[in-house]
N, C-alpha and C. Protein backbone atom coordinates (compact mmCIF):
# COMPACT_ATOMS: atom_id res chain seq x y z
N MET A 1 -184.20 -80.78 81.75
CA MET A 1 -185.29 -81.45 82.45
C MET A 1 -184.88 -82.88 82.80
N ARG A 2 -185.37 -83.33 83.90
CA ARG A 2 -184.98 -84.65 84.39
C ARG A 2 -185.67 -85.77 83.61
N PRO A 3 -185.04 -86.93 83.54
CA PRO A 3 -185.66 -88.08 82.87
C PRO A 3 -186.91 -88.52 83.63
N LEU A 4 -187.91 -88.98 82.89
CA LEU A 4 -189.17 -89.43 83.49
C LEU A 4 -189.36 -90.92 83.22
N ASN A 5 -190.33 -91.51 83.87
CA ASN A 5 -190.62 -92.93 83.68
C ASN A 5 -191.56 -93.13 82.49
N PHE A 6 -191.09 -92.70 81.35
CA PHE A 6 -191.73 -92.89 80.05
C PHE A 6 -190.62 -93.28 79.08
N LYS A 7 -191.01 -93.79 77.92
CA LYS A 7 -190.01 -93.99 76.88
C LYS A 7 -189.50 -92.63 76.43
N LYS A 8 -188.42 -92.63 75.68
CA LYS A 8 -187.90 -91.38 75.12
C LYS A 8 -188.69 -91.06 73.85
N TYR A 9 -189.14 -89.83 73.74
CA TYR A 9 -189.95 -89.40 72.60
C TYR A 9 -189.23 -88.30 71.84
N PRO A 10 -189.53 -88.17 70.55
CA PRO A 10 -188.85 -87.15 69.71
C PRO A 10 -189.49 -85.77 69.85
N PHE A 11 -189.07 -85.01 70.84
CA PHE A 11 -189.62 -83.68 71.06
C PHE A 11 -188.90 -82.64 70.22
N ARG A 12 -189.61 -81.57 69.90
CA ARG A 12 -189.01 -80.40 69.24
C ARG A 12 -188.93 -79.28 70.27
N PHE A 13 -187.78 -78.60 70.30
CA PHE A 13 -187.55 -77.52 71.25
C PHE A 13 -187.20 -76.24 70.51
N LYS A 14 -187.45 -75.13 71.17
CA LYS A 14 -187.07 -73.82 70.65
C LYS A 14 -186.64 -72.97 71.84
N SER A 15 -185.50 -72.30 71.71
CA SER A 15 -185.03 -71.44 72.79
C SER A 15 -185.13 -69.99 72.36
N SER A 16 -185.53 -69.16 73.32
CA SER A 16 -185.58 -67.73 73.06
C SER A 16 -185.60 -66.98 74.38
N GLU A 17 -184.83 -65.90 74.43
CA GLU A 17 -184.79 -65.02 75.60
C GLU A 17 -184.80 -65.76 76.93
N ASN A 18 -183.80 -66.55 77.19
CA ASN A 18 -183.61 -67.25 78.45
C ASN A 18 -184.71 -68.27 78.79
N SER A 19 -185.47 -68.71 77.80
CA SER A 19 -186.48 -69.74 78.07
C SER A 19 -186.49 -70.76 76.95
N THR A 20 -186.93 -71.95 77.30
CA THR A 20 -187.03 -73.03 76.32
C THR A 20 -188.50 -73.38 76.15
N HIS A 21 -188.88 -73.64 74.91
CA HIS A 21 -190.25 -74.04 74.59
C HIS A 21 -190.22 -75.41 73.95
N ILE A 22 -191.31 -76.15 74.16
CA ILE A 22 -191.46 -77.48 73.59
C ILE A 22 -192.70 -77.47 72.70
N PHE A 23 -192.63 -78.17 71.58
CA PHE A 23 -193.75 -78.18 70.65
C PHE A 23 -194.81 -79.17 71.12
N ASP A 24 -196.03 -78.67 71.25
CA ASP A 24 -197.17 -79.50 71.63
C ASP A 24 -197.87 -79.95 70.35
N ILE A 25 -197.87 -81.25 70.08
CA ILE A 25 -198.41 -81.77 68.82
C ILE A 25 -199.95 -81.76 68.80
N ILE A 26 -200.58 -81.54 69.94
CA ILE A 26 -202.04 -81.41 69.99
C ILE A 26 -202.44 -79.95 69.75
N ARG A 27 -201.86 -79.04 70.51
CA ARG A 27 -202.18 -77.61 70.36
C ARG A 27 -201.50 -77.00 69.14
N LYS A 28 -200.56 -77.74 68.55
CA LYS A 28 -199.82 -77.31 67.36
C LYS A 28 -199.12 -75.96 67.55
N LYS A 29 -198.44 -75.85 68.70
CA LYS A 29 -197.67 -74.64 68.97
C LYS A 29 -196.60 -74.94 70.02
N PHE A 30 -195.61 -74.06 70.08
CA PHE A 30 -194.59 -74.17 71.12
C PHE A 30 -195.14 -73.58 72.41
N VAL A 31 -194.90 -74.29 73.52
CA VAL A 31 -195.34 -73.82 74.83
C VAL A 31 -194.13 -73.81 75.76
N LEU A 32 -194.17 -72.93 76.75
CA LEU A 32 -193.06 -72.79 77.68
C LEU A 32 -192.79 -74.11 78.39
N LEU A 33 -191.54 -74.53 78.37
CA LEU A 33 -191.15 -75.80 78.99
C LEU A 33 -190.94 -75.58 80.48
N GLN A 34 -191.87 -76.08 81.26
CA GLN A 34 -191.78 -76.08 82.71
C GLN A 34 -191.93 -77.54 83.17
N PRO A 35 -191.62 -77.84 84.42
CA PRO A 35 -191.68 -79.24 84.85
C PRO A 35 -193.03 -79.93 84.58
N GLU A 36 -194.14 -79.28 84.87
CA GLU A 36 -195.44 -79.91 84.62
C GLU A 36 -195.68 -80.10 83.12
N GLU A 37 -195.23 -79.14 82.33
CA GLU A 37 -195.39 -79.27 80.87
C GLU A 37 -194.55 -80.43 80.34
N TRP A 38 -193.38 -80.65 80.91
CA TRP A 38 -192.52 -81.77 80.54
C TRP A 38 -193.28 -83.09 80.74
N VAL A 39 -193.96 -83.20 81.87
CA VAL A 39 -194.77 -84.39 82.16
C VAL A 39 -195.95 -84.48 81.19
N ARG A 40 -196.63 -83.36 80.95
CA ARG A 40 -197.79 -83.34 80.05
C ARG A 40 -197.39 -83.79 78.65
N GLN A 41 -196.27 -83.32 78.14
CA GLN A 41 -195.85 -83.69 76.78
C GLN A 41 -195.47 -85.16 76.70
N HIS A 42 -194.84 -85.68 77.73
CA HIS A 42 -194.55 -87.12 77.75
C HIS A 42 -195.84 -87.93 77.77
N THR A 43 -196.82 -87.47 78.54
CA THR A 43 -198.09 -88.19 78.64
C THR A 43 -198.83 -88.18 77.31
N ILE A 44 -198.82 -87.06 76.62
CA ILE A 44 -199.45 -86.98 75.30
C ILE A 44 -198.81 -88.00 74.36
N HIS A 45 -197.49 -88.03 74.32
CA HIS A 45 -196.80 -88.98 73.44
C HIS A 45 -197.05 -90.43 73.87
N PHE A 46 -197.13 -90.67 75.17
CA PHE A 46 -197.46 -92.00 75.68
C PHE A 46 -198.84 -92.44 75.16
N LEU A 47 -199.82 -91.55 75.25
CA LEU A 47 -201.17 -91.89 74.79
C LEU A 47 -201.20 -92.17 73.28
N ILE A 48 -200.45 -91.40 72.52
CA ILE A 48 -200.45 -91.54 71.06
C ILE A 48 -199.57 -92.71 70.61
N GLU A 49 -198.35 -92.76 71.10
CA GLU A 49 -197.39 -93.74 70.59
C GLU A 49 -197.50 -95.11 71.25
N GLU A 50 -197.80 -95.14 72.54
CA GLU A 50 -197.87 -96.44 73.24
C GLU A 50 -199.30 -96.99 73.24
N LYS A 51 -200.25 -96.13 73.51
CA LYS A 51 -201.64 -96.58 73.65
C LYS A 51 -202.44 -96.43 72.35
N LYS A 52 -201.85 -95.80 71.35
CA LYS A 52 -202.41 -95.70 69.99
C LYS A 52 -203.68 -94.86 69.87
N TYR A 53 -203.86 -93.89 70.79
CA TYR A 53 -205.00 -92.97 70.67
C TYR A 53 -204.69 -91.95 69.58
N PRO A 54 -205.63 -91.70 68.67
CA PRO A 54 -205.40 -90.71 67.62
C PRO A 54 -205.32 -89.29 68.20
N LYS A 55 -204.47 -88.47 67.60
CA LYS A 55 -204.35 -87.07 68.04
C LYS A 55 -205.69 -86.36 67.99
N SER A 56 -206.52 -86.73 67.03
CA SER A 56 -207.79 -86.03 66.80
C SER A 56 -208.80 -86.16 67.94
N ILE A 57 -208.59 -87.11 68.85
CA ILE A 57 -209.55 -87.27 69.96
C ILE A 57 -208.95 -86.84 71.30
N ILE A 58 -207.80 -86.16 71.25
CA ILE A 58 -207.13 -85.69 72.47
C ILE A 58 -207.25 -84.18 72.56
N ASN A 59 -207.54 -83.69 73.75
CA ASN A 59 -207.64 -82.26 74.00
C ASN A 59 -206.74 -81.92 75.18
N VAL A 60 -206.10 -80.76 75.14
CA VAL A 60 -205.12 -80.38 76.15
C VAL A 60 -205.44 -79.01 76.73
N GLU A 61 -205.36 -78.91 78.06
CA GLU A 61 -205.49 -77.66 78.80
C GLU A 61 -206.67 -76.81 78.36
N LYS A 62 -207.85 -77.30 78.63
CA LYS A 62 -209.06 -76.54 78.35
C LYS A 62 -209.72 -76.16 79.67
N GLN A 63 -210.41 -75.04 79.65
CA GLN A 63 -211.06 -74.55 80.85
C GLN A 63 -212.41 -75.23 81.07
N ILE A 64 -212.69 -75.54 82.32
CA ILE A 64 -214.00 -76.05 82.72
C ILE A 64 -214.43 -75.30 83.98
N THR A 65 -215.71 -75.34 84.30
CA THR A 65 -216.20 -74.74 85.53
C THR A 65 -216.60 -75.86 86.48
N VAL A 66 -216.00 -75.84 87.67
CA VAL A 66 -216.28 -76.83 88.70
C VAL A 66 -216.68 -76.08 89.96
N ASN A 67 -217.90 -76.31 90.44
CA ASN A 67 -218.41 -75.60 91.62
C ASN A 67 -218.26 -74.08 91.48
N LYS A 68 -218.63 -73.58 90.32
CA LYS A 68 -218.60 -72.15 89.98
C LYS A 68 -217.20 -71.55 89.93
N LEU A 69 -216.17 -72.42 89.93
CA LEU A 69 -214.80 -71.96 89.81
C LEU A 69 -214.24 -72.39 88.46
N LYS A 70 -213.47 -71.53 87.83
CA LYS A 70 -212.84 -71.86 86.56
C LYS A 70 -211.57 -72.65 86.83
N LYS A 71 -211.49 -73.83 86.20
CA LYS A 71 -210.33 -74.71 86.34
C LYS A 71 -209.87 -75.12 84.94
N ARG A 72 -208.68 -75.73 84.87
CA ARG A 72 -208.17 -76.24 83.60
C ARG A 72 -207.77 -77.70 83.77
N PHE A 73 -208.30 -78.55 82.90
CA PHE A 73 -207.83 -79.93 82.94
C PHE A 73 -206.57 -80.03 82.11
N ASP A 74 -205.76 -81.05 82.37
CA ASP A 74 -204.52 -81.24 81.62
C ASP A 74 -204.78 -81.90 80.27
N ILE A 75 -205.35 -83.10 80.30
CA ILE A 75 -205.55 -83.86 79.05
C ILE A 75 -206.87 -84.63 79.17
N VAL A 76 -207.65 -84.62 78.09
CA VAL A 76 -208.78 -85.54 77.99
C VAL A 76 -208.69 -86.28 76.66
N VAL A 77 -209.19 -87.50 76.68
CA VAL A 77 -209.30 -88.32 75.47
C VAL A 77 -210.78 -88.64 75.31
N PHE A 78 -211.32 -88.30 74.14
CA PHE A 78 -212.75 -88.46 73.89
C PHE A 78 -213.08 -89.81 73.28
N ASN A 79 -214.31 -90.26 73.51
CA ASN A 79 -214.90 -91.39 72.79
C ASN A 79 -215.51 -90.84 71.51
N SER A 80 -215.91 -91.73 70.61
CA SER A 80 -216.50 -91.30 69.33
C SER A 80 -217.83 -90.57 69.52
N ASP A 81 -218.53 -90.81 70.64
CA ASP A 81 -219.81 -90.13 70.89
C ASP A 81 -219.65 -88.78 71.59
N GLY A 82 -218.39 -88.36 71.83
CA GLY A 82 -218.14 -87.07 72.47
C GLY A 82 -217.99 -87.17 73.98
N SER A 83 -218.31 -88.31 74.56
CA SER A 83 -218.08 -88.49 76.00
C SER A 83 -216.57 -88.64 76.23
N ILE A 84 -216.18 -88.57 77.48
CA ILE A 84 -214.75 -88.61 77.79
C ILE A 84 -214.33 -90.00 78.23
N GLN A 85 -213.36 -90.54 77.53
CA GLN A 85 -212.79 -91.86 77.83
C GLN A 85 -211.79 -91.76 78.98
N ILE A 86 -210.84 -90.79 78.86
CA ILE A 86 -209.76 -90.68 79.85
C ILE A 86 -209.58 -89.22 80.25
N LEU A 87 -209.45 -88.99 81.54
CA LEU A 87 -209.10 -87.69 82.08
C LEU A 87 -207.73 -87.85 82.74
N VAL A 88 -206.79 -86.97 82.40
CA VAL A 88 -205.42 -87.07 82.91
C VAL A 88 -205.08 -85.82 83.71
N GLU A 89 -204.51 -86.02 84.88
CA GLU A 89 -203.98 -84.93 85.70
C GLU A 89 -202.47 -85.10 85.77
N CYS A 90 -201.75 -84.07 85.33
CA CYS A 90 -200.28 -84.08 85.34
C CYS A 90 -199.76 -83.14 86.42
N LYS A 91 -198.76 -83.59 87.12
CA LYS A 91 -198.08 -82.78 88.13
C LYS A 91 -196.60 -82.74 87.81
N SER A 92 -195.93 -81.75 88.34
CA SER A 92 -194.48 -81.66 88.22
C SER A 92 -193.84 -82.87 88.90
N PRO A 93 -192.68 -83.32 88.40
CA PRO A 93 -191.99 -84.44 89.05
C PRO A 93 -191.63 -84.17 90.51
N ASP A 94 -191.54 -82.89 90.90
CA ASP A 94 -191.20 -82.55 92.29
C ASP A 94 -192.39 -82.74 93.24
N ILE A 95 -193.58 -82.89 92.68
CA ILE A 95 -194.78 -82.98 93.51
C ILE A 95 -195.15 -84.44 93.69
N LYS A 96 -195.26 -84.84 94.95
CA LYS A 96 -195.68 -86.20 95.27
C LYS A 96 -197.17 -86.33 94.98
N ILE A 97 -197.55 -87.46 94.40
CA ILE A 97 -198.96 -87.75 94.19
C ILE A 97 -199.54 -88.12 95.55
N ASN A 98 -200.60 -87.41 95.96
CA ASN A 98 -201.20 -87.69 97.26
C ASN A 98 -202.72 -87.60 97.17
N GLN A 99 -203.38 -87.66 98.30
CA GLN A 99 -204.84 -87.64 98.31
C GLN A 99 -205.38 -86.35 97.68
N ALA A 100 -204.70 -85.24 97.89
CA ALA A 100 -205.16 -83.97 97.31
C ALA A 100 -205.18 -84.04 95.78
N THR A 101 -204.22 -84.74 95.20
CA THR A 101 -204.17 -84.91 93.74
C THR A 101 -205.38 -85.71 93.27
N PHE A 102 -205.69 -86.79 93.98
CA PHE A 102 -206.85 -87.61 93.62
C PHE A 102 -208.15 -86.83 93.85
N ASP A 103 -208.20 -86.02 94.91
CA ASP A 103 -209.39 -85.20 95.16
C ASP A 103 -209.60 -84.21 94.02
N GLN A 104 -208.50 -83.63 93.52
CA GLN A 104 -208.59 -82.66 92.42
C GLN A 104 -209.16 -83.31 91.16
N ILE A 105 -208.63 -84.45 90.77
CA ILE A 105 -209.11 -85.10 89.54
C ILE A 105 -210.55 -85.61 89.75
N ALA A 106 -210.88 -86.03 90.96
CA ALA A 106 -212.25 -86.48 91.24
C ALA A 106 -213.23 -85.31 91.11
N GLN A 107 -212.83 -84.12 91.56
CA GLN A 107 -213.67 -82.93 91.39
C GLN A 107 -213.91 -82.63 89.92
N TYR A 108 -212.85 -82.68 89.12
CA TYR A 108 -212.98 -82.45 87.68
C TYR A 108 -213.89 -83.50 87.05
N ASN A 109 -213.76 -84.74 87.54
CA ASN A 109 -214.52 -85.82 86.93
C ASN A 109 -216.01 -85.77 87.28
N LEU A 110 -216.37 -85.10 88.37
CA LEU A 110 -217.79 -84.90 88.66
C LEU A 110 -218.46 -84.19 87.48
N LYS A 111 -217.73 -83.28 86.88
CA LYS A 111 -218.23 -82.53 85.72
C LYS A 111 -218.03 -83.31 84.42
N LEU A 112 -216.85 -83.91 84.23
CA LEU A 112 -216.48 -84.48 82.93
C LEU A 112 -216.95 -85.92 82.73
N GLN A 113 -217.11 -86.68 83.81
CA GLN A 113 -217.65 -88.05 83.76
C GLN A 113 -216.82 -89.00 82.88
N ALA A 114 -215.51 -88.98 83.06
CA ALA A 114 -214.61 -89.88 82.31
C ALA A 114 -214.74 -91.31 82.81
N THR A 115 -214.45 -92.25 81.93
CA THR A 115 -214.45 -93.67 82.29
C THR A 115 -213.16 -94.06 83.01
N TYR A 116 -212.04 -93.44 82.59
CA TYR A 116 -210.73 -93.76 83.18
C TYR A 116 -210.06 -92.47 83.64
N LEU A 117 -209.31 -92.58 84.72
CA LEU A 117 -208.50 -91.47 85.22
C LEU A 117 -207.04 -91.90 85.23
N MET A 118 -206.18 -90.95 84.90
CA MET A 118 -204.73 -91.16 84.99
C MET A 118 -204.16 -89.98 85.75
N VAL A 119 -203.36 -90.28 86.76
CA VAL A 119 -202.66 -89.25 87.53
C VAL A 119 -201.18 -89.57 87.43
N THR A 120 -200.38 -88.56 87.05
CA THR A 120 -198.94 -88.80 86.90
C THR A 120 -198.13 -87.55 87.26
N ASN A 121 -196.96 -87.80 87.82
CA ASN A 121 -195.96 -86.74 87.98
C ASN A 121 -194.74 -87.07 87.11
N GLY A 122 -194.96 -87.99 86.18
CA GLY A 122 -193.88 -88.40 85.29
C GLY A 122 -193.02 -89.52 85.85
N LEU A 123 -193.03 -89.65 87.16
CA LEU A 123 -192.26 -90.69 87.82
C LEU A 123 -193.19 -91.83 88.27
N ASP A 124 -194.30 -91.45 88.85
CA ASP A 124 -195.32 -92.41 89.30
C ASP A 124 -196.59 -92.18 88.48
N HIS A 125 -197.20 -93.27 88.03
CA HIS A 125 -198.42 -93.20 87.24
C HIS A 125 -199.49 -94.04 87.93
N TYR A 126 -200.68 -93.48 88.06
CA TYR A 126 -201.81 -94.20 88.65
C TYR A 126 -202.97 -94.18 87.66
N TYR A 127 -203.65 -95.31 87.56
CA TYR A 127 -204.76 -95.45 86.63
C TYR A 127 -205.97 -96.00 87.38
N CYS A 128 -207.13 -95.47 87.10
CA CYS A 128 -208.37 -95.94 87.73
C CYS A 128 -209.45 -96.08 86.67
N GLN A 129 -210.33 -97.03 86.88
CA GLN A 129 -211.55 -97.14 86.09
C GLN A 129 -212.69 -96.69 86.99
N ILE A 130 -213.55 -95.84 86.46
CA ILE A 130 -214.64 -95.26 87.24
C ILE A 130 -215.94 -95.95 86.90
N ASP A 131 -216.68 -96.35 87.91
CA ASP A 131 -218.04 -96.85 87.74
C ASP A 131 -218.95 -95.72 88.19
N LEU A 132 -219.47 -94.96 87.21
CA LEU A 132 -220.27 -93.78 87.53
C LEU A 132 -221.59 -94.14 88.20
N ILE A 133 -222.15 -95.29 87.86
CA ILE A 133 -223.43 -95.70 88.43
C ILE A 133 -223.27 -96.09 89.90
N LYS A 134 -222.27 -96.92 90.19
CA LYS A 134 -222.03 -97.35 91.57
C LYS A 134 -221.20 -96.34 92.36
N GLU A 135 -220.72 -95.30 91.68
CA GLU A 135 -219.89 -94.26 92.29
C GLU A 135 -218.69 -94.85 93.03
N LYS A 136 -217.95 -95.71 92.31
CA LYS A 136 -216.73 -96.27 92.88
C LYS A 136 -215.67 -96.36 91.80
N TYR A 137 -214.46 -96.61 92.20
CA TYR A 137 -213.36 -96.72 91.26
C TYR A 137 -212.52 -97.95 91.59
N THR A 138 -211.82 -98.41 90.56
CA THR A 138 -210.92 -99.55 90.71
C THR A 138 -209.57 -99.15 90.14
N PHE A 139 -208.51 -99.35 90.92
CA PHE A 139 -207.18 -99.08 90.40
C PHE A 139 -206.79 -100.15 89.38
N LEU A 140 -206.11 -99.72 88.32
CA LEU A 140 -205.69 -100.61 87.25
C LEU A 140 -204.17 -100.57 87.12
N ARG A 141 -203.61 -101.59 86.48
CA ARG A 141 -202.17 -101.59 86.19
C ARG A 141 -201.84 -100.62 85.06
N GLU A 142 -202.78 -100.44 84.14
CA GLU A 142 -202.60 -99.50 83.03
C GLU A 142 -203.95 -99.15 82.45
N ILE A 143 -203.98 -98.10 81.64
CA ILE A 143 -205.22 -97.75 80.95
C ILE A 143 -205.28 -98.57 79.65
N PRO A 144 -206.48 -98.79 79.15
CA PRO A 144 -206.59 -99.61 77.94
C PRO A 144 -206.01 -98.90 76.72
N ASP A 145 -205.61 -99.71 75.77
CA ASP A 145 -205.20 -99.19 74.46
C ASP A 145 -206.43 -98.71 73.72
N PHE A 146 -206.21 -97.88 72.72
CA PHE A 146 -207.31 -97.40 71.89
C PHE A 146 -207.91 -98.56 71.12
N SER A 147 -209.23 -98.57 71.04
CA SER A 147 -209.92 -99.53 70.19
C SER A 147 -211.12 -98.81 69.57
N ARG A 148 -211.40 -99.13 68.34
CA ARG A 148 -212.49 -98.45 67.64
C ARG A 148 -213.82 -98.86 68.15
């Protein structure tokens, strides 16, 4: 897998029958290593190791229903009250982040109502703060660190 614009993290790998798996520390299992998963695992470690979010408030790849369609979000980080602090959309490094990517995460956020959005392909990272009342967003240089 190609290097990404994250620090280097201590991943665990397992190979079997012509495929490689990476250990997901949130789901506590090995998952097939594909380009988007490579980005997702780096993002998880970034949230935990750089931004200091506890593993216990992070959820990965869960199904939601948006406009009567079943979708899967990549990563959410919860607040202590159960609301969502951060919604993350991960793409393969080969995929350019474009308006369609932002439209996708915005659709998910209509349902999830996160305070912050992060969109990444591992090479480029975008962060936004959402004002749900005014229905607008502001781009940020980074998402906030965890605070109690």
